[in-house]
Each structure stands twice: as C-alpha cells, then as structure tokens.
Amino acid sequence: MSSHTYKLIELTGSSPDGIQPAIESAIAKAAESLHNMRWFEVTDTRGHIDDGKVAHWQVTIKVGFTLD
C-alpha cells in the first residue's frame, strides 16, 4: 500500500427525503469539481420541523480526498 496525503473539506447536503439522500447530494455536487474523494465522516445532522413533522434534513460531512 502506498502512502497518501489527504485534504479534508466540509460540506453540508440537504434533502427532504432523509439523511442518506442529503449525504449523496453533497458528494455528487462535490464530485463535479473534485476528484480522488476517498471517504466521508458525518459530523452534524440537523432537521427542519414543519407542522409537527420532519420536513427537511441537513447533514454536514467531512470529505477526505487524496492530493495529486
């Protein structure tokens, strides 16, 4: 296994459909301009309540990617 150097960025994705779609939304958007993404870590989860029900999710993640 070769050694790698990673850079971390923080992203927040959102979705009315749940935590996983919020994470996937953030990663998909980042993939438009970043490459070599290797892992993510959920650091915060929030939600919006409307009329006594969960209406929207926001999930903050740290994403690690290898430097060229």
C-alpha atoms as a PDB file:
ATOM      1  CA  MET A   1       0.000   0.000   0.000  1.00  0.00           C
ATOM      2  CA  SER A   2       1.407   3.381  -0.960  1.00  0.00           C
ATOM      3  CA  SER A   3       1.249   6.320   1.410  1.00  0.00           C
ATOM      4  CA  HIS A   4      -1.230   9.093   0.684  1.00  0.00           C
ATOM      5  CA  THR A   5      -1.685  12.695   1.712  1.00  0.00           C
ATOM      6  CA  TYR A   6      -5.294  13.709   2.232  1.00  0.00           C
ATOM      7  CA  LYS A   7      -7.049  17.041   2.226  1.00  0.00           C
ATOM      8  CA  LEU A   8     -10.296  17.495   4.177  1.00  0.00           C
ATOM      9  CA  ILE A   9     -13.219  19.675   3.197  1.00  0.00           C
ATOM     10  CA  GLU A  10     -16.520  20.216   4.954  1.00  0.00           C
ATOM     11  CA  LEU A  11     -19.808  20.021   3.039  1.00  0.00           C
ATOM     12  CA  THR A  12     -23.474  20.285   4.003  1.00  0.00           C
ATOM     13  CA  GLY A  13     -26.049  18.488   1.888  1.00  0.00           C
ATOM     14  CA  SER A  14     -29.789  18.796   2.252  1.00  0.00           C
ATOM     15  CA  SER A  15     -32.827  16.739   1.278  1.00  0.00           C
ATOM     16  CA  PRO A  16     -36.477  16.404   2.215  1.00  0.00           C
ATOM     17  CA  ASP A  17     -36.104  12.629   1.753  1.00  0.00           C
ATOM     18  CA  GLY A  18     -33.686  11.730   4.548  1.00  0.00           C
ATOM     19  CA  ILE A  19     -30.110  11.592   5.765  1.00  0.00           C
ATOM     20  CA  GLN A  20     -28.664   9.367   3.052  1.00  0.00           C
ATOM     21  CA  PRO A  21     -30.042  11.465   0.156  1.00  0.00           C
ATOM     22  CA  ALA A  22     -28.617  14.588   1.854  1.00  0.00           C
ATOM     23  CA  ILE A  23     -25.166  12.959   2.041  1.00  0.00           C
ATOM     24  CA  GLU A  24     -25.394  11.713  -1.541  1.00  0.00           C
ATOM     25  CA  SER A  25     -26.412  15.184  -2.733  1.00  0.00           C
ATOM     26  CA  ALA A  26     -23.352  16.784  -1.121  1.00  0.00           C
ATOM     27  CA  ILE A  27     -20.963  14.165  -2.518  1.00  0.00           C
ATOM     28  CA  ALA A  28     -22.474  14.295  -6.017  1.00  0.00           C
ATOM     29  CA  LYS A  29     -22.131  18.076  -6.156  1.00  0.00           C
ATOM     30  CA  ALA A  30     -18.529  17.949  -4.898  1.00  0.00           C
ATOM     31  CA  ALA A  31     -17.700  15.263  -7.488  1.00  0.00           C
ATOM     32  CA  GLU A  32     -18.425  17.823 -10.226  1.00  0.00           C
ATOM     33  CA  SER A  33     -15.221  19.684  -9.347  1.00  0.00           C
ATOM     34  CA  LEU A  34     -13.180  17.357  -7.081  1.00  0.00           C
ATOM     35  CA  HIS A  35     -11.564  14.025  -7.808  1.00  0.00           C
ATOM     36  CA  ASN A  36      -9.917  11.303  -5.733  1.00  0.00           C
ATOM     37  CA  MET A  37     -12.536  11.508  -2.961  1.00  0.00           C
ATOM     38  CA  ARG A  38     -11.918   8.514  -0.687  1.00  0.00           C
ATOM     39  CA  TRP A  39     -14.060   8.728   2.455  1.00  0.00           C
ATOM     40  CA  PHE A  40     -16.510  10.814   4.448  1.00  0.00           C
ATOM     41  CA  GLU A  41     -17.419  11.304   8.087  1.00  0.00           C
ATOM     42  CA  VAL A  42     -20.773  12.652   9.306  1.00  0.00           C
ATOM     43  CA  THR A  43     -20.120  15.497  11.736  1.00  0.00           C
ATOM     44  CA  ASP A  44     -23.579  17.010  12.217  1.00  0.00           C
ATOM     45  CA  THR A  45     -27.197  16.197  11.454  1.00  0.00           C
ATOM     46  CA  ARG A  46     -29.990  18.737  11.623  1.00  0.00           C
ATOM     47  CA  GLY A  47     -33.591  18.865  10.532  1.00  0.00           C
ATOM     48  CA  HIS A  48     -36.404  21.292   9.896  1.00  0.00           C
ATOM     49  CA  ILE A  49     -39.773  20.660  11.539  1.00  0.00           C
ATOM     50  CA  ASP A  50     -42.966  21.782   9.833  1.00  0.00           C
ATOM     51  CA  ASP A  51     -46.423  21.166  11.298  1.00  0.00           C
ATOM     52  CA  GLY A  52     -45.062  18.650  13.810  1.00  0.00           C
ATOM     53  CA  LYS A  53     -43.247  16.552  11.184  1.00  0.00           C
ATOM     54  CA  VAL A  54     -39.705  16.319   9.855  1.00  0.00           C
ATOM     55  CA  ALA A  55     -39.744  18.381   6.667  1.00  0.00           C
ATOM     56  CA  HIS A  56     -36.081  18.592   5.670  1.00  0.00           C
ATOM     57  CA  TRP A  57     -32.674  17.154   6.609  1.00  0.00           C
ATOM     58  CA  GLN A  58     -29.275  18.866   6.612  1.00  0.00           C
ATOM     59  CA  VAL A  59     -26.183  16.707   7.051  1.00  0.00           C
ATOM     60  CA  THR A  60     -22.658  18.095   7.428  1.00  0.00           C
ATOM     61  CA  ILE A  61     -19.826  15.807   6.399  1.00  0.00           C
ATOM     62  CA  LYS A  62     -16.057  15.946   6.194  1.00  0.00           C
ATOM     63  CA  VAL A  63     -14.763  14.504   2.939  1.00  0.00           C
ATOM     64  CA  GLY A  64     -11.192  13.266   2.522  1.00  0.00           C
ATOM     65  CA  PHE A  65      -9.543  13.165  -0.874  1.00  0.00           C
ATOM     66  CA  THR A  66      -6.022  12.372  -1.968  1.00  0.00           C
ATOM     67  CA  LEU A  67      -3.802  15.072  -3.361  1.00  0.00           C
ATOM     68  CA  ASP A  68      -2.179  14.604  -6.760  1.00  0.00           C
END
